[in-house]
Amino acid sequence: MGPKPSRWGTGKDAAPPSITGDDRVPAPLHDATGPGRGTATGAGGADVSALFDDDSATRATLPEWVQYTFPADRQARFYTLTSGSGQQSEDPAGWALEGSADGTTWKVLDERSGESFAWRQQTRPFKIAKPGAYTHYRIRFAGGTSLAEIELLASAPPATSPLVVEAEGVFAAPGETVTLPVTVSNHADRAATGRLSATAPQGWTVQPAAADFGPIAPDASQTVNLQVTLPATAGPGSHPIQLAVTSGQGTAGARATVTVIGDTVEFTPGTAAETPWLLEEDGSQLDGEVHDGRARFTDGDAHATYRFQLPAPASLTLDIGNQFLVQVSEDNQTWRTVLREEANVRDLSNRAERTIDVGDARTFYLRIADGQPQDGWGSWLARVRLDLRLS
């Protein structure tokens, strides 16, 4: 048996990258991306934050393109891609890295084809063929694949601010006003006072559009609640709220997502539409092709957990088969079984759409598991649909 491959994989780009401006003083590369360093976006408003969270345990389905925007020009020399925990067939085989100064005109910096990842959660570095200083970087992929992490490696550590701004995504119906909590954290050695501003899509309103914060003590945080009002014409999907913090301690930015829900929420596992709802994969796998994506398979102790935050109560319909166990919870701790297949079914002969009354809770958790974990088989989930009771 040969030596175990390094974190950086194999091939002409395999060495841990570094830049040497002077042969006597090597200057290692640093990851320029990550929370608080720039803004990550995906085609169609897809949530791609998991690709830049410095956590290879999370992953995201790749839309047509993934973009990372810096506050100012950065010159990346290498980039890394980390394969996800799913099946090898989900890994991308080809892509193009592009750079732009204005977010409109793009230049191809590096192209790859016929690539593969030797094992799960493998980090592979790639040298950029035509590096330059750009504010916007974009990677174009073929659809239907996923990754755990993307890094852009620059020759100097990014200028970091001791302030960090964070906001979880919220869900709303057209015409609704929702509360968006934004947390500002201070990691400096002295108190911070400043201003938080928010920019919404055209036709939306945020109140207040700007708010003062502080003083925030060192290693403390403060939450500012913003009221976001959607127009009645807001279309379904994910919409960005750009957040910026300014103070004497520096600046920081982030992007919150408001997901607009119509009368129905419907998705197939393994698609971008599943991503906002999937809380934990917990060993589940994508299996086979169905509808516009793939089925989610849970076997043995594996399960998948979804979290739904809805503007109104809903009824739940699952396209599911084999040896399934379906449970719901309002707190992700106390679970109630709503569906269970007692028979030893392994050929999907019991596959059907089953409608479940999950009560009147606007926030609830759904867990899909194996109804007979002792026999090495499991459930096969093909589709999830929620019909909202908006009236």
Protein backbone atom coordinates (compact mmCIF):
# COMPACT_ATOMS: atom_id res chain seq x y z
CA MET A 1 0.00 0.00 0.00
CA GLY A 2 1.40 3.40 -0.97
CA PRO A 3 1.52 6.47 1.24
CA LYS A 4 -1.75 8.11 2.21
CA PRO A 5 -2.55 11.06 -0.08
CA SER A 6 -2.15 14.49 1.45
CA ARG A 7 -5.00 16.92 2.09
CA TRP A 8 -4.02 18.60 -1.17
CA GLY A 9 -4.57 15.50 -3.35
CA THR A 10 -2.33 14.59 -6.25
CA GLY A 11 -1.24 16.00 -9.60
CA LYS A 12 0.58 19.07 -10.85
CA ASP A 13 -1.25 21.35 -8.43
CA ALA A 14 -0.83 19.05 -5.43
CA ALA A 15 1.85 20.88 -3.42
CA PRO A 16 0.53 23.08 -0.60
CA PRO A 17 0.53 26.42 -2.42
CA SER A 18 2.74 29.35 -1.47
CA ILE A 19 4.06 32.44 -3.15
CA THR A 20 7.73 33.37 -2.88
CA GLY A 21 8.42 37.00 -3.62
CA ASP A 22 11.95 36.52 -2.35
CA ASP A 23 13.63 33.10 -2.57
CA ARG A 24 14.78 33.52 1.02
CA VAL A 25 11.39 34.41 2.53
CA PRO A 26 8.46 32.20 1.54
CA ALA A 27 5.03 33.80 1.92
CA PRO A 28 2.27 31.21 2.39
CA LEU A 29 -1.12 31.73 0.84
CA HIS A 30 -4.19 32.45 2.95
CA ASP A 31 -7.87 31.81 2.34
CA ALA A 32 -9.34 35.18 1.37
CA THR A 33 -12.96 34.01 1.56
CA GLY A 34 -15.16 33.32 4.54
CA PRO A 35 -17.78 34.97 6.76
CA GLY A 36 -17.28 38.71 7.09
CA ARG A 37 -14.66 38.91 4.31
CA GLY A 38 -17.00 39.25 1.34
CA THR A 39 -20.36 38.23 -0.10
CA ALA A 40 -21.24 34.83 -1.58
CA THR A 41 -24.07 34.49 -4.11
CA GLY A 42 -25.39 31.80 -6.42
CA ALA A 43 -27.35 31.75 -9.67
CA GLY A 44 -31.08 32.19 -9.15
CA GLY A 45 -30.54 33.41 -5.58
CA ALA A 46 -29.32 29.97 -4.42
CA ASP A 47 -27.91 29.90 -0.90
CA VAL A 48 -24.22 28.97 -1.30
CA SER A 49 -23.00 30.18 2.10
CA ALA A 50 -22.08 26.59 3.07
CA LEU A 51 -19.32 26.70 0.44
CA PHE A 52 -17.53 29.56 2.23
CA ASP A 53 -18.16 28.78 5.93
CA ASP A 54 -14.76 27.15 6.63
CA ASP A 55 -16.56 23.89 7.46
CA SER A 56 -16.11 20.88 5.16
CA ALA A 57 -18.88 19.04 7.04
CA THR A 58 -21.45 21.26 5.29
CA ARG A 59 -22.10 21.21 1.56
CA ALA A 60 -24.29 22.86 -1.05
CA THR A 61 -25.79 21.87 -4.36
CA LEU A 62 -24.05 23.88 -7.08
CA PRO A 63 -26.20 26.17 -9.24
CA GLU A 64 -25.02 27.24 -12.69
CA TRP A 65 -22.53 29.62 -11.09
CA VAL A 66 -21.18 30.59 -7.67
CA GLN A 67 -19.82 34.10 -7.07
CA TYR A 68 -17.74 35.67 -4.30
CA THR A 69 -17.43 39.47 -4.07
CA PHE A 70 -14.76 41.31 -2.05
CA PRO A 71 -15.02 44.89 -0.75
CA ALA A 72 -11.93 45.72 -2.88
CA ASP A 73 -9.71 44.04 -5.48
CA ARG A 74 -7.98 40.82 -4.39
CA GLN A 75 -5.46 38.83 -6.41
CA ALA A 76 -5.99 35.10 -5.91
CA ARG A 77 -3.22 32.78 -7.11
CA PHE A 78 -4.72 29.40 -6.22
CA TYR A 79 -8.20 28.14 -5.38
CA THR A 80 -9.36 24.96 -3.68
CA LEU A 81 -12.46 22.79 -4.03
CA THR A 82 -13.48 20.28 -1.35
CA SER A 83 -15.69 17.35 -2.27
CA GLY A 84 -18.81 16.77 -0.20
CA SER A 85 -19.82 13.85 1.97
CA GLY A 86 -22.28 12.49 -0.61
CA GLN A 87 -21.64 10.13 -3.47
CA GLN A 88 -18.73 10.55 -5.86
CA SER A 89 -21.18 11.02 -8.73
CA GLU A 90 -22.13 14.38 -7.16
CA ASP A 91 -18.60 15.79 -7.62
CA PRO A 92 -18.09 18.34 -10.42
CA ALA A 93 -15.81 17.23 -13.24
CA GLY A 94 -15.34 20.54 -15.00
CA TRP A 95 -15.68 24.27 -14.38
CA ALA A 96 -14.38 27.72 -15.33
CA LEU A 97 -13.08 30.34 -12.88
CA GLU A 98 -13.76 33.94 -13.96
CA GLY A 99 -12.83 37.38 -12.64
CA SER A 100 -14.53 40.76 -13.01
CA ALA A 101 -13.95 44.32 -11.88
CA ASP A 102 -17.60 45.37 -12.16
CA GLY A 103 -19.63 42.15 -11.88
CA THR A 104 -20.76 42.49 -15.51
CA THR A 105 -17.77 41.87 -17.77
CA TRP A 106 -15.99 38.61 -16.99
CA LYS A 107 -12.59 37.20 -17.94
CA VAL A 108 -11.79 33.47 -17.83
CA LEU A 109 -8.89 32.92 -15.41
CA ASP A 110 -8.78 29.11 -15.30
CA GLU A 111 -10.65 26.22 -16.95
CA ARG A 112 -10.75 22.55 -15.93
CA SER A 113 -12.28 19.37 -17.35
CA GLY A 114 -12.02 15.66 -16.60
CA GLU A 115 -11.31 16.31 -12.91
CA SER A 116 -12.18 13.91 -10.07
CA PHE A 117 -11.92 13.63 -6.29
CA ALA A 118 -10.30 10.47 -4.90
CA TRP A 119 -12.17 10.44 -1.58
CA ARG A 120 -14.91 12.21 0.34
CA GLN A 121 -14.17 15.70 1.67
CA GLN A 122 -10.89 15.83 -0.25
CA THR A 123 -9.48 19.35 -0.67
CA ARG A 124 -7.80 19.86 -4.05
CA PRO A 125 -5.82 23.02 -4.93
CA PHE A 126 -5.72 24.46 -8.45
CA LYS A 127 -3.28 27.05 -9.72
CA ILE A 128 -4.96 29.95 -11.52
CA ALA A 129 -3.60 30.10 -15.07
CA LYS A 130 -4.21 33.83 -15.57
CA PRO A 131 -4.29 35.54 -12.14
CA GLY A 132 -5.22 39.18 -11.72
CA ALA A 133 -6.71 41.57 -9.16
CA TYR A 134 -10.52 41.45 -9.20
CA THR A 135 -13.39 42.42 -6.93
CA HIS A 136 -15.65 39.63 -8.23
CA TYR A 137 -14.76 35.97 -8.73
CA ARG A 138 -17.18 33.48 -10.27
CA ILE A 139 -16.99 29.72 -10.91
CA ARG A 140 -19.30 28.23 -13.54
CA PHE A 141 -20.32 24.58 -13.10
CA ALA A 142 -22.50 22.07 -14.87
CA GLY A 143 -25.69 21.69 -12.80
CA GLY A 144 -26.64 18.85 -10.49
CA THR A 145 -23.34 18.59 -8.58
CA SER A 146 -22.26 19.60 -5.08
CA LEU A 147 -19.21 20.63 -3.03
CA ALA A 148 -18.38 21.13 0.64
CA GLU A 149 -16.06 24.13 0.37
CA ILE A 150 -14.52 26.68 -2.02
CA GLU A 151 -11.47 28.80 -1.14
CA LEU A 152 -9.70 31.59 -3.00
CA LEU A 153 -6.07 31.72 -1.87
CA ALA A 154 -4.22 35.05 -1.88
CA SER A 155 -0.61 35.83 -1.08
CA ALA A 156 -1.42 38.03 1.91
CA PRO A 157 -3.93 37.57 4.71
CA PRO A 158 -7.11 39.54 4.16
CA ALA A 159 -7.58 42.76 6.04
CA THR A 160 -9.99 41.66 8.72
CA SER A 161 -12.28 43.74 10.88
CA PRO A 162 -12.86 42.97 14.57
CA LEU A 163 -16.57 43.40 13.80
CA VAL A 164 -18.64 40.54 12.43
CA VAL A 165 -22.22 40.87 11.20
CA GLU A 166 -24.44 37.78 10.91
CA ALA A 167 -28.09 37.10 10.07
CA GLU A 168 -30.02 33.88 9.56
CA GLY A 169 -32.40 33.62 6.63
CA VAL A 170 -36.12 34.20 7.12
CA PHE A 171 -39.20 33.07 5.19
CA ALA A 172 -42.18 35.19 4.16
CA ALA A 173 -45.22 35.39 1.91
CA PRO A 174 -45.72 38.17 -0.69
CA GLY A 175 -46.98 41.35 1.01
CA GLU A 176 -45.91 40.20 4.48
CA THR A 177 -43.68 42.04 6.97
CA VAL A 178 -41.15 39.85 8.78
CA THR A 179 -38.52 40.47 11.45
CA LEU A 180 -34.90 39.97 10.39
CA PRO A 181 -32.59 39.75 13.45
CA VAL A 182 -29.05 40.96 12.67
CA THR A 183 -26.26 40.31 15.17
CA VAL A 184 -23.13 42.49 15.33
CA SER A 185 -20.23 40.96 17.29
CA ASN A 186 -17.15 42.82 18.52
CA HIS A 187 -13.86 40.90 18.69
CA ALA A 188 -11.68 43.94 19.38
CA ASP A 189 -10.00 44.77 22.68
CA ARG A 190 -12.12 47.91 23.16
CA ALA A 191 -15.80 48.80 22.87
CA ALA A 192 -17.27 49.41 19.41
CA THR A 193 -19.92 51.90 18.33
CA GLY A 194 -21.14 52.26 14.76
CA ARG A 195 -23.95 52.02 12.25
CA LEU A 196 -25.70 49.09 10.57
CA SER A 197 -27.29 49.64 7.14
CA ALA A 198 -29.41 47.32 5.00
CA THR A 199 -30.15 47.33 1.28
CA ALA A 200 -33.14 45.35 -0.06
CA PRO A 201 -34.30 44.50 -3.61
CA GLN A 202 -36.20 47.16 -5.52
CA GLY A 203 -39.77 47.52 -4.27
CA TRP A 204 -38.94 46.12 -0.82
CA THR A 205 -38.60 48.22 2.34
CA VAL A 206 -36.45 47.77 5.44
CA GLN A 207 -37.18 49.65 8.65
CA PRO A 208 -34.94 51.04 9.86
CA ALA A 209 -32.78 51.18 6.75
CA ALA A 210 -29.92 52.23 9.02
CA ALA A 211 -29.54 51.90 12.79
CA ASP A 212 -26.89 52.84 15.32
CA PHE A 213 -25.41 50.17 17.55
CA GLY A 214 -23.18 50.08 20.59
CA PRO A 215 -21.26 50.54 22.56
CA ILE A 216 -20.60 46.79 22.29
CA ALA A 217 -18.07 45.55 24.83
CA PRO A 218 -15.12 43.37 23.74
CA ASP A 219 -16.19 39.78 22.94
CA ALA A 220 -19.84 40.79 23.19
CA SER A 221 -22.61 41.19 20.62
CA GLN A 222 -25.79 43.15 19.99
CA THR A 223 -28.86 42.16 17.95
CA VAL A 224 -30.70 44.71 15.82
CA ASN A 225 -34.17 43.73 14.59
CA LEU A 226 -35.01 44.95 11.09
CA GLN A 227 -38.57 44.88 9.72
CA VAL A 228 -38.59 43.74 6.09
CA THR A 229 -41.76 44.37 4.07
CA LEU A 230 -42.23 42.46 0.84
CA PRO A 231 -44.26 43.81 -2.07
CA ALA A 232 -47.40 41.87 -2.98
CA THR A 233 -45.72 41.07 -6.31
CA ALA A 234 -42.63 39.45 -4.75
CA GLY A 235 -41.85 36.27 -6.66
CA PRO A 236 -41.06 32.95 -5.00
CA GLY A 237 -37.42 32.10 -4.32
CA SER A 238 -34.49 33.54 -2.37
CA HIS A 239 -33.89 37.30 -2.29
CA PRO A 240 -30.79 38.99 -0.78
CA ILE A 241 -30.66 41.70 1.88
CA GLN A 242 -27.18 43.26 1.84
CA LEU A 243 -25.88 44.26 5.28
CA ALA A 244 -23.00 46.60 6.07
CA VAL A 245 -21.46 47.74 9.34
CA THR A 246 -19.24 50.81 9.70
CA SER A 247 -17.44 52.01 12.82
CA GLY A 248 -14.14 53.35 14.04
CA GLN A 249 -13.05 49.70 14.41
CA GLY A 250 -13.44 48.99 10.70
CA THR A 251 -16.14 47.73 8.36
CA ALA A 252 -17.88 44.39 7.83
CA GLY A 253 -20.53 43.03 5.52
CA ALA A 254 -22.87 40.09 5.16
CA ARG A 255 -25.83 38.88 3.14
CA ALA A 256 -29.13 37.72 4.59
CA THR A 257 -31.66 35.79 2.56
CA VAL A 258 -35.43 36.22 2.56
CA THR A 259 -37.09 33.22 0.94
CA VAL A 260 -40.47 34.10 -0.56
CA ILE A 261 -43.08 31.38 -0.33
CA GLY A 262 -46.27 31.20 -2.37
CA ASP A 263 -49.24 28.92 -1.75
CA THR A 264 -47.01 25.84 -2.12
CA VAL A 265 -43.49 24.78 -1.17
CA GLU A 266 -42.33 21.82 -3.24
CA PHE A 267 -38.90 20.29 -3.84
CA THR A 268 -37.01 17.17 -4.82
CA PRO A 269 -33.94 16.07 -2.80
CA GLY A 270 -30.59 16.92 -4.30
CA THR A 271 -31.79 20.18 -5.88
CA ALA A 272 -31.17 23.82 -5.00
CA ALA A 273 -34.82 24.05 -3.93
CA GLU A 274 -34.12 21.57 -1.11
CA THR A 275 -31.15 23.50 0.31
CA PRO A 276 -33.00 26.18 2.35
CA TRP A 277 -34.99 23.51 4.20
CA LEU A 278 -32.44 20.73 4.78
CA LEU A 279 -31.11 21.18 8.32
CA GLU A 280 -29.07 17.98 8.73
CA GLU A 281 -28.21 15.20 6.29
CA ASP A 282 -27.09 12.92 9.15
CA GLY A 283 -25.76 10.12 6.97
CA SER A 284 -28.58 10.13 4.41
CA GLN A 285 -27.62 9.71 0.77
CA LEU A 286 -28.95 10.72 -2.63
CA ASP A 287 -30.08 7.69 -4.61
CA GLY A 288 -31.38 7.35 -8.18
CA GLU A 289 -32.99 9.97 -10.42
CA VAL A 290 -36.55 11.11 -9.79
CA HIS A 291 -38.61 14.18 -10.76
CA ASP A 292 -36.07 17.00 -11.27
CA GLY A 293 -33.47 15.61 -8.87
CA ARG A 294 -32.75 12.49 -6.83
CA ALA A 295 -34.35 10.58 -3.97
CA ARG A 296 -33.00 10.86 -0.43
CA PHE A 297 -32.23 7.43 1.06
CA THR A 298 -31.96 6.79 4.82
CA ASP A 299 -30.61 3.47 5.99
CA GLY A 300 -29.90 2.07 9.47
CA ASP A 301 -29.11 4.89 11.88
CA ALA A 302 -29.02 7.52 9.12
CA HIS A 303 -31.76 10.11 8.86
CA ALA A 304 -32.46 13.51 7.30
CA THR A 305 -33.94 16.48 9.17
CA TYR A 306 -35.74 19.40 7.56
CA ARG A 307 -36.69 22.66 9.28
CA PHE A 308 -39.67 24.61 7.97
CA GLN A 309 -40.31 28.24 8.94
CA LEU A 310 -43.51 29.20 7.18
CA PRO A 311 -45.70 32.32 6.97
CA ALA A 312 -48.79 30.16 7.69
CA PRO A 313 -49.67 26.62 8.84
CA ALA A 314 -49.53 23.96 6.15
CA SER A 315 -50.40 20.39 5.30
CA LEU A 316 -47.50 18.14 4.31
CA THR A 317 -47.42 15.62 1.44
CA LEU A 318 -44.54 13.19 0.93
CA ASP A 319 -43.78 11.03 -2.09
CA ILE A 320 -42.11 8.19 -0.15
CA GLY A 321 -41.63 4.45 -0.19
CA ASN A 322 -39.83 1.41 1.26
CA GLN A 323 -39.26 1.08 5.04
CA PHE A 324 -39.90 4.65 6.13
CA LEU A 325 -40.24 6.30 9.50
CA VAL A 326 -41.55 9.89 9.45
CA GLN A 327 -41.56 12.07 12.57
CA VAL A 328 -42.37 15.72 13.28
CA SER A 329 -41.34 18.06 16.10
CA GLU A 330 -41.85 21.69 17.08
CA ASP A 331 -38.54 21.96 18.98
CA ASN A 332 -36.19 19.44 17.27
CA GLN A 333 -36.14 17.44 20.52
CA THR A 334 -39.53 15.86 21.20
CA TRP A 335 -40.64 13.81 18.19
CA ARG A 336 -44.06 12.50 17.18
CA THR A 337 -44.32 9.60 14.71
CA VAL A 338 -46.79 10.37 11.90
CA LEU A 339 -45.94 7.63 9.36
CA ARG A 340 -44.28 4.25 9.63
CA GLU A 341 -44.07 1.30 7.24
CA GLU A 342 -44.28 -1.94 9.22
CA ALA A 343 -43.86 -4.31 6.25
CA ASN A 344 -40.48 -5.40 4.87
CA VAL A 345 -40.74 -3.44 1.59
CA ARG A 346 -37.58 -3.02 -0.48
CA ASP A 347 -38.84 -2.65 -4.07
CA LEU A 348 -40.77 0.63 -3.76
CA SER A 349 -44.04 -1.25 -4.29
CA ASN A 350 -45.54 0.90 -1.51
CA ARG A 351 -44.37 4.20 -2.99
CA ALA A 352 -47.19 6.74 -2.83
CA GLU A 353 -48.02 10.34 -1.99
CA ARG A 354 -49.06 10.53 1.65
CA THR A 355 -50.58 13.67 3.20
CA ILE A 356 -49.88 14.44 6.85
CA ASP A 357 -51.53 16.95 9.17
CA VAL A 358 -48.64 18.58 11.04
CA GLY A 359 -50.84 20.90 13.07
CA ASP A 360 -50.92 24.67 13.16
CA ALA A 361 -47.25 25.34 13.92
CA ARG A 362 -45.58 27.77 11.52
CA THR A 363 -42.16 26.37 12.48
CA PHE A 364 -41.67 22.62 12.68
CA TYR A 365 -39.09 19.92 12.02
CA LEU A 366 -39.49 16.88 9.80
CA ARG A 367 -37.27 13.81 10.25
CA ILE A 368 -37.07 11.00 7.70
CA ALA A 369 -35.53 7.78 9.04
CA ASP A 370 -35.42 3.99 8.63
CA GLY A 371 -38.51 2.24 9.99
CA GLN A 372 -36.59 -1.02 10.45
CA PRO A 373 -32.95 -0.08 11.09
CA GLN A 374 -32.02 -3.59 12.17
CA ASP A 375 -32.36 -5.11 8.69
CA GLY A 376 -30.07 -2.80 6.72
CA TRP A 377 -32.70 -1.10 4.57
CA GLY A 378 -34.44 2.25 4.75
CA SER A 379 -36.77 4.93 3.41
CA TRP A 380 -36.75 6.46 -0.07
CA LEU A 381 -38.02 10.07 -0.22
CA ALA A 382 -38.75 11.42 -3.70
CA ARG A 383 -40.68 14.64 -3.13
CA VAL A 384 -41.82 17.04 -0.39
CA ARG A 385 -44.79 19.38 -0.78
CA LEU A 386 -46.35 21.80 1.70
CA ASP A 387 -49.70 23.44 0.93
CA LEU A 388 -50.00 26.62 2.98
CA ARG A 389 -53.26 27.76 4.54
CA LEU A 390 -52.74 31.47 3.89
CA SER A 391 -56.36 32.59 4.26
